[in-house]
Structure formats: structure tokens, C-alpha cells
Amino acid sequence: MGPRRRIGPALAGVLEGLKLARREWAAAASDPPRGRWVPVGLVSALQDALVAALSAYDSARDEDVADPSNPEHLAPVTLLLRRARSQEYLDLPERLELSGAGHKAVETVIAARNGVLHGSGEGAGALIAADVRAVLGVLAHLCRDHPAFPAEGNAVMLALIADQISAFGRELAEAG
């Protein structure tokens, strides 16, 4: 699939990841073990948002989102994140700029997701609202505030993503 053709499916993945994370965050209030799925949804949404952003420019190549050790697969989210922060891949304002604390919070969510999916389960319980907010901020930057891809043809999906980000942000604020 060519770089630009990945954007639509990637945005659909962002929306589904956000829905999963938001649903499980709410359910974890009465059933705490469900909270372990929050980082899974958030990192899925993050990976898809990074794929959409890195696929948007005319200069985008398949290799920009491929795993260097296995080109048939997507690169790990940490590599995609590094690329989205690099001037080699994205220009301002689309390029992602994170503070040290923001980057650490995103890494915390990624580590929690890895713990859930790879069996250790470590980190999922330590996930806090500030970490979730940091990922929502990255998603807002990539999909709402400064998308690298054209909004035309993606307006409905972008509006749905923006609604999920806003609603999840309100729920986090209510939770404290």
C-alpha cells in the first residue's frame, strides 16, 4: 500500500484505539483489571496516528513506517515516535515536539502496553491520568491541531477523533 493510501485506514485505527482506551478507562472505575487495556488502546491509536503523519508528505516512502529489521511489519511505536520528532521526516508545525516530561509519560504508557501484551503486566497499574493526558496531547497534535495529511477526505474521521480526544480529556479531568 502506498504511503498516502495508508492514511485513511490509519485514522480509522486511531479512532478504534481511542474508543477502546476510553471505554476501558471508564470501566476500570468499577472493575480495576480492565484498566490494563487502556495503554493497549492508547498505543494502538498512537501508532496509527504516527503512521498517518509519516505517510502524508509527497516525499513519504514505505520505509518511513516500516520496521528496519522486518520491512513487512510496521516499525515499533518508539521508532515511529522518534521519526515524528525528527526534521528529517516532518516539518514544523506537523513535527512533534515533546518536553522531557511528556516524552517520559508517553514512554510510560508504551511500557505499560508492552507489559500487558508480553505477559509481565507490569506498569499497567501505575498508569496515571497525567500519562494518558500526554498521549492524548500527542494524538491531538497529530490528528487535530497540526495534521500532516490533508483534512479533505478525512474530515468526518478527524471530527470523530477530535470528539474522542475531547471527551476522554473531560473524563480524565473529572477523575482528578
C-alpha atoms as a PDB file:
ATOM      1  CA  MET A   1       0.000   0.000   0.000  1.00  0.00           C
ATOM      2  CA  GLY A   2       1.424   3.390  -0.968  1.00  0.00           C
ATOM      3  CA  PRO A   3       2.178   5.925   1.729  1.00  0.00           C
ATOM      4  CA  ARG A   4      -0.831   8.174   1.087  1.00  0.00           C
ATOM      5  CA  ARG A   5      -3.204   5.206   0.882  1.00  0.00           C
ATOM      6  CA  ARG A   6      -2.317   4.282   4.476  1.00  0.00           C
ATOM      7  CA  ILE A   7      -3.765   7.483   5.938  1.00  0.00           C
ATOM      8  CA  GLY A   8      -7.477   6.553   5.902  1.00  0.00           C
ATOM      9  CA  PRO A   9      -7.033   3.107   7.481  1.00  0.00           C
ATOM     10  CA  ALA A  10      -4.568   4.561   9.990  1.00  0.00           C
ATOM     11  CA  LEU A  11      -7.086   7.205  11.064  1.00  0.00           C
ATOM     12  CA  ALA A  12      -9.732   4.509  11.482  1.00  0.00           C
ATOM     13  CA  GLY A  13      -7.247   2.716  13.750  1.00  0.00           C
ATOM     14  CA  VAL A  14      -6.724   5.897  15.780  1.00  0.00           C
ATOM     15  CA  LEU A  15     -10.454   6.148  16.376  1.00  0.00           C
ATOM     16  CA  GLU A  16     -10.794   2.489  17.386  1.00  0.00           C
ATOM     17  CA  GLY A  17      -7.800   2.675  19.732  1.00  0.00           C
ATOM     18  CA  LEU A  18      -9.235   5.767  21.413  1.00  0.00           C
ATOM     19  CA  LYS A  19     -12.637   4.118  21.808  1.00  0.00           C
ATOM     20  CA  LEU A  20     -11.045   1.070  23.419  1.00  0.00           C
ATOM     21  CA  ALA A  21      -8.918   3.136  25.810  1.00  0.00           C
ATOM     22  CA  ARG A  22     -11.802   5.392  26.792  1.00  0.00           C
ATOM     23  CA  ARG A  23     -14.230   2.510  27.332  1.00  0.00           C
ATOM     24  CA  GLU A  24     -11.753   0.579  29.469  1.00  0.00           C
ATOM     25  CA  TRP A  25     -10.762   3.689  31.471  1.00  0.00           C
ATOM     26  CA  ALA A  26     -14.427   4.192  32.412  1.00  0.00           C
ATOM     27  CA  ALA A  27     -14.959   0.500  33.183  1.00  0.00           C
ATOM     28  CA  ALA A  28     -11.836   0.339  35.357  1.00  0.00           C
ATOM     29  CA  ALA A  29     -13.572   2.500  37.972  1.00  0.00           C
ATOM     30  CA  SER A  30     -15.766  -0.466  38.916  1.00  0.00           C
ATOM     31  CA  ASP A  31     -13.599  -3.289  37.535  1.00  0.00           C
ATOM     32  CA  PRO A  32      -9.901  -2.309  38.032  1.00  0.00           C
ATOM     33  CA  PRO A  33      -8.368  -5.160  35.966  1.00  0.00           C
ATOM     34  CA  ARG A  34      -9.972  -3.677  32.855  1.00  0.00           C
ATOM     35  CA  GLY A  35      -7.648  -0.706  33.230  1.00  0.00           C
ATOM     36  CA  ARG A  36      -4.830  -2.798  31.781  1.00  0.00           C
ATOM     37  CA  TRP A  37      -6.412  -2.373  28.327  1.00  0.00           C
ATOM     38  CA  VAL A  38      -6.158   1.426  28.440  1.00  0.00           C
ATOM     39  CA  PRO A  39      -2.492   1.518  27.385  1.00  0.00           C
ATOM     40  CA  VAL A  40      -3.176  -1.081  24.676  1.00  0.00           C
ATOM     41  CA  GLY A  41      -5.790   1.176  23.083  1.00  0.00           C
ATOM     42  CA  LEU A  42      -3.725   4.327  23.537  1.00  0.00           C
ATOM     43  CA  VAL A  43      -0.576   2.887  21.983  1.00  0.00           C
ATOM     44  CA  SER A  44      -2.570   1.414  19.113  1.00  0.00           C
ATOM     45  CA  ALA A  45      -4.070   4.860  18.465  1.00  0.00           C
ATOM     46  CA  LEU A  46      -0.645   6.470  18.809  1.00  0.00           C
ATOM     47  CA  GLN A  47       0.982   4.073  16.369  1.00  0.00           C
ATOM     48  CA  ASP A  48      -1.748   4.662  13.789  1.00  0.00           C
ATOM     49  CA  ALA A  49      -1.578   8.452  14.220  1.00  0.00           C
ATOM     50  CA  LEU A  50       2.187   8.329  13.701  1.00  0.00           C
ATOM     51  CA  VAL A  51       1.734   6.175  10.580  1.00  0.00           C
ATOM     52  CA  ALA A  52      -0.774   8.687   9.180  1.00  0.00           C
ATOM     53  CA  ALA A  53       1.533  11.632   9.869  1.00  0.00           C
ATOM     54  CA  LEU A  54       4.635   9.941   8.470  1.00  0.00           C
ATOM     55  CA  SER A  55       2.721   8.877   5.338  1.00  0.00           C
ATOM     56  CA  ALA A  56       1.375  12.307   4.469  1.00  0.00           C
ATOM     57  CA  TYR A  57       4.152  14.127   2.660  1.00  0.00           C
ATOM     58  CA  ASP A  58       4.784  13.698  -1.057  1.00  0.00           C
ATOM     59  CA  SER A  59       8.286  12.562  -0.107  1.00  0.00           C
ATOM     60  CA  ALA A  60       6.941   9.792   2.179  1.00  0.00           C
ATOM     61  CA  ARG A  61       8.221   6.300   1.496  1.00  0.00           C
ATOM     62  CA  ASP A  62       7.104   2.887   2.645  1.00  0.00           C
ATOM     63  CA  GLU A  63      10.344   2.616   4.618  1.00  0.00           C
ATOM     64  CA  ASP A  64       9.325   5.595   6.770  1.00  0.00           C
ATOM     65  CA  VAL A  65       6.902   3.431   8.722  1.00  0.00           C
ATOM     66  CA  ALA A  66       8.471   0.007   8.218  1.00  0.00           C
ATOM     67  CA  ASP A  67      10.382  -1.955  10.812  1.00  0.00           C
ATOM     68  CA  PRO A  68      14.019  -1.881   9.655  1.00  0.00           C
ATOM     69  CA  SER A  69      14.567  -5.474  10.806  1.00  0.00           C
ATOM     70  CA  ASN A  70      11.345  -6.741   9.229  1.00  0.00           C
ATOM     71  CA  PRO A  71      10.141  -4.424   6.436  1.00  0.00           C
ATOM     72  CA  GLU A  72       6.848  -6.300   6.080  1.00  0.00           C
ATOM     73  CA  HIS A  73       5.773  -5.010   9.520  1.00  0.00           C
ATOM     74  CA  LEU A  74       5.203  -1.588  10.991  1.00  0.00           C
ATOM     75  CA  ALA A  75       8.066  -0.087  12.923  1.00  0.00           C
ATOM     76  CA  PRO A  76       7.803  -0.166  16.700  1.00  0.00           C
ATOM     77  CA  VAL A  77       5.938   2.812  18.086  1.00  0.00           C
ATOM     78  CA  THR A  78       9.100   4.133  19.743  1.00  0.00           C
ATOM     79  CA  LEU A  79      10.848   4.333  16.348  1.00  0.00           C
ATOM     80  CA  LEU A  80       7.806   5.987  14.752  1.00  0.00           C
ATOM     81  CA  LEU A  81       7.759   8.478  17.620  1.00  0.00           C
ATOM     82  CA  ARG A  82      11.440   9.264  17.103  1.00  0.00           C
ATOM     83  CA  ARG A  83      10.837   9.785  13.383  1.00  0.00           C
ATOM     84  CA  ALA A  84       7.859  12.088  14.012  1.00  0.00           C
ATOM     85  CA  ARG A  85      10.131  14.224  16.201  1.00  0.00           C
ATOM     86  CA  SER A  86      12.822  14.415  13.510  1.00  0.00           C
ATOM     87  CA  GLN A  87      13.151  17.231  10.983  1.00  0.00           C
ATOM     88  CA  GLU A  88      14.202  14.556   8.502  1.00  0.00           C
ATOM     89  CA  TYR A  89      10.618  13.249   8.407  1.00  0.00           C
ATOM     90  CA  LEU A  90       8.287  16.118   9.347  1.00  0.00           C
ATOM     91  CA  ASP A  91       8.486  19.896   9.183  1.00  0.00           C
ATOM     92  CA  LEU A  92       7.043  22.325  11.691  1.00  0.00           C
ATOM     93  CA  PRO A  93       4.264  22.655  12.702  1.00  0.00           C
ATOM     94  CA  GLU A  94       3.497  18.986  11.938  1.00  0.00           C
ATOM     95  CA  ARG A  95       6.697  17.747  13.571  1.00  0.00           C
ATOM     96  CA  LEU A  96       6.064  16.501  17.076  1.00  0.00           C
ATOM     97  CA  GLU A  97       7.790  18.396  19.844  1.00  0.00           C
ATOM     98  CA  LEU A  98       7.630  16.861  23.313  1.00  0.00           C
ATOM     99  CA  SER A  99       9.023  18.069  26.615  1.00  0.00           C
ATOM    100  CA  GLY A 100      11.103  15.650  28.641  1.00  0.00           C
ATOM    101  CA  ALA A 101       8.169  15.015  30.970  1.00  0.00           C
ATOM    102  CA  GLY A 102       5.820  14.499  28.020  1.00  0.00           C
ATOM    103  CA  HIS A 103       8.193  12.032  26.410  1.00  0.00           C
ATOM    104  CA  LYS A 104       8.588  10.149  29.706  1.00  0.00           C
ATOM    105  CA  ALA A 105       4.798   9.958  30.108  1.00  0.00           C
ATOM    106  CA  VAL A 106       4.391   8.558  26.588  1.00  0.00           C
ATOM    107  CA  GLU A 107       7.163   6.035  27.278  1.00  0.00           C
ATOM    108  CA  THR A 108       5.351   5.036  30.492  1.00  0.00           C
ATOM    109  CA  VAL A 109       2.199   4.265  28.512  1.00  0.00           C
ATOM    110  CA  ILE A 110       4.204   2.311  25.916  1.00  0.00           C
ATOM    111  CA  ALA A 111       5.922   0.295  28.676  1.00  0.00           C
ATOM    112  CA  ALA A 112       2.532  -0.424  30.290  1.00  0.00           C
ATOM    113  CA  ARG A 113       1.179  -1.631  26.949  1.00  0.00           C
ATOM    114  CA  ASN A 114       4.228  -3.848  26.424  1.00  0.00           C
ATOM    115  CA  GLY A 115       3.782  -5.282  29.911  1.00  0.00           C
ATOM    116  CA  VAL A 116       0.170  -6.172  29.164  1.00  0.00           C
ATOM    117  CA  LEU A 117       0.818  -7.702  25.741  1.00  0.00           C
ATOM    118  CA  HIS A 118       4.015  -9.534  26.618  1.00  0.00           C
ATOM    119  CA  GLY A 119       2.761 -11.070  29.804  1.00  0.00           C
ATOM    120  CA  SER A 120       4.509  -9.283  32.643  1.00  0.00           C
ATOM    121  CA  GLY A 121       1.570  -6.964  33.260  1.00  0.00           C
ATOM    122  CA  GLU A 122       3.967  -4.536  34.885  1.00  0.00           C
ATOM    123  CA  GLY A 123       3.237  -0.852  34.571  1.00  0.00           C
ATOM    124  CA  ALA A 124      -0.444  -1.051  33.705  1.00  0.00           C
ATOM    125  CA  GLY A 125      -1.437  -0.416  37.306  1.00  0.00           C
ATOM    126  CA  ALA A 126       0.969   2.502  37.554  1.00  0.00           C
ATOM    127  CA  LEU A 127      -0.648   4.330  34.644  1.00  0.00           C
ATOM    128  CA  ILE A 128      -1.981   7.661  35.807  1.00  0.00           C
ATOM    129  CA  ALA A 129      -4.186  10.304  34.256  1.00  0.00           C
ATOM    130  CA  ALA A 130      -1.184  12.553  33.504  1.00  0.00           C
ATOM    131  CA  ASP A 131       0.368   9.804  31.354  1.00  0.00           C
ATOM    132  CA  VAL A 132      -2.899   9.313  29.498  1.00  0.00           C
ATOM    133  CA  ARG A 133      -3.217  13.094  29.009  1.00  0.00           C
ATOM    134  CA  ALA A 134       0.267  13.197  27.473  1.00  0.00           C
ATOM    135  CA  VAL A 135      -0.694  10.597  24.875  1.00  0.00           C
ATOM    136  CA  LEU A 136      -3.954  12.430  24.195  1.00  0.00           C
ATOM    137  CA  GLY A 137      -1.879  15.571  23.646  1.00  0.00           C
ATOM    138  CA  VAL A 138       0.264  13.795  21.068  1.00  0.00           C
ATOM    139  CA  LEU A 139      -2.839  12.442  19.341  1.00  0.00           C
ATOM    140  CA  ALA A 140      -4.394  15.920  19.331  1.00  0.00           C
ATOM    141  CA  HIS A 141      -1.228  17.358  17.795  1.00  0.00           C
ATOM    142  CA  LEU A 142      -1.023  14.700  15.079  1.00  0.00           C
ATOM    143  CA  CYS A 143      -4.724  14.428  14.202  1.00  0.00           C
ATOM    144  CA  ARG A 144      -6.413  17.671  15.220  1.00  0.00           C
ATOM    145  CA  ASP A 145      -4.074  20.608  15.717  1.00  0.00           C
ATOM    146  CA  HIS A 146      -1.356  20.044  13.093  1.00  0.00           C
ATOM    147  CA  PRO A 147      -2.158  17.081  10.865  1.00  0.00           C
ATOM    148  CA  ALA A 148       0.485  16.451   8.206  1.00  0.00           C
ATOM    149  CA  PHE A 149      -2.132  14.947   5.902  1.00  0.00           C
ATOM    150  CA  PRO A 150      -4.912  16.819   4.102  1.00  0.00           C
ATOM    151  CA  ALA A 151      -8.171  17.104   6.014  1.00  0.00           C
ATOM    152  CA  GLU A 152     -10.149  16.779   2.774  1.00  0.00           C
ATOM    153  CA  GLY A 153     -11.460  13.280   2.504  1.00  0.00           C
ATOM    154  CA  ASN A 154     -10.755  12.664   6.182  1.00  0.00           C
ATOM    155  CA  ALA A 155     -12.928  15.359   7.767  1.00  0.00           C
ATOM    156  CA  VAL A 156     -15.522  13.037   9.298  1.00  0.00           C
ATOM    157  CA  MET A 157     -12.899  10.701  10.758  1.00  0.00           C
ATOM    158  CA  LEU A 158     -10.891  13.652  12.103  1.00  0.00           C
ATOM    159  CA  ALA A 159     -14.014  15.098  13.728  1.00  0.00           C
ATOM    160  CA  LEU A 160     -14.769  11.765  15.394  1.00  0.00           C
ATOM    161  CA  ILE A 161     -11.172  11.504  16.630  1.00  0.00           C
ATOM    162  CA  ALA A 162     -11.299  15.076  17.964  1.00  0.00           C
ATOM    163  CA  ASP A 163     -14.565  14.256  19.784  1.00  0.00           C
ATOM    164  CA  GLN A 164     -12.996  11.165  21.394  1.00  0.00           C
ATOM    165  CA  ILE A 165      -9.912  13.121  22.487  1.00  0.00           C
ATOM    166  CA  SER A 166     -12.050  15.910  23.993  1.00  0.00           C
ATOM    167  CA  ALA A 167     -14.441  13.538  25.754  1.00  0.00           C
ATOM    168  CA  PHE A 168     -11.593  11.436  27.153  1.00  0.00           C
ATOM    169  CA  GLY A 169      -9.845  14.595  28.346  1.00  0.00           C
ATOM    170  CA  ARG A 170     -13.010  15.682  30.190  1.00  0.00           C
ATOM    171  CA  GLU A 171     -13.340  12.244  31.796  1.00  0.00           C
ATOM    172  CA  LEU A 172      -9.726  12.407  32.962  1.00  0.00           C
ATOM    173  CA  ALA A 173     -10.320  15.878  34.454  1.00  0.00           C
ATOM    174  CA  GLU A 174     -13.391  14.591  36.311  1.00  0.00           C
ATOM    175  CA  ALA A 175     -11.390  11.651  37.675  1.00  0.00           C
ATOM    176  CA  GLY A 176      -8.823  14.053  39.116  1.00  0.00           C
END
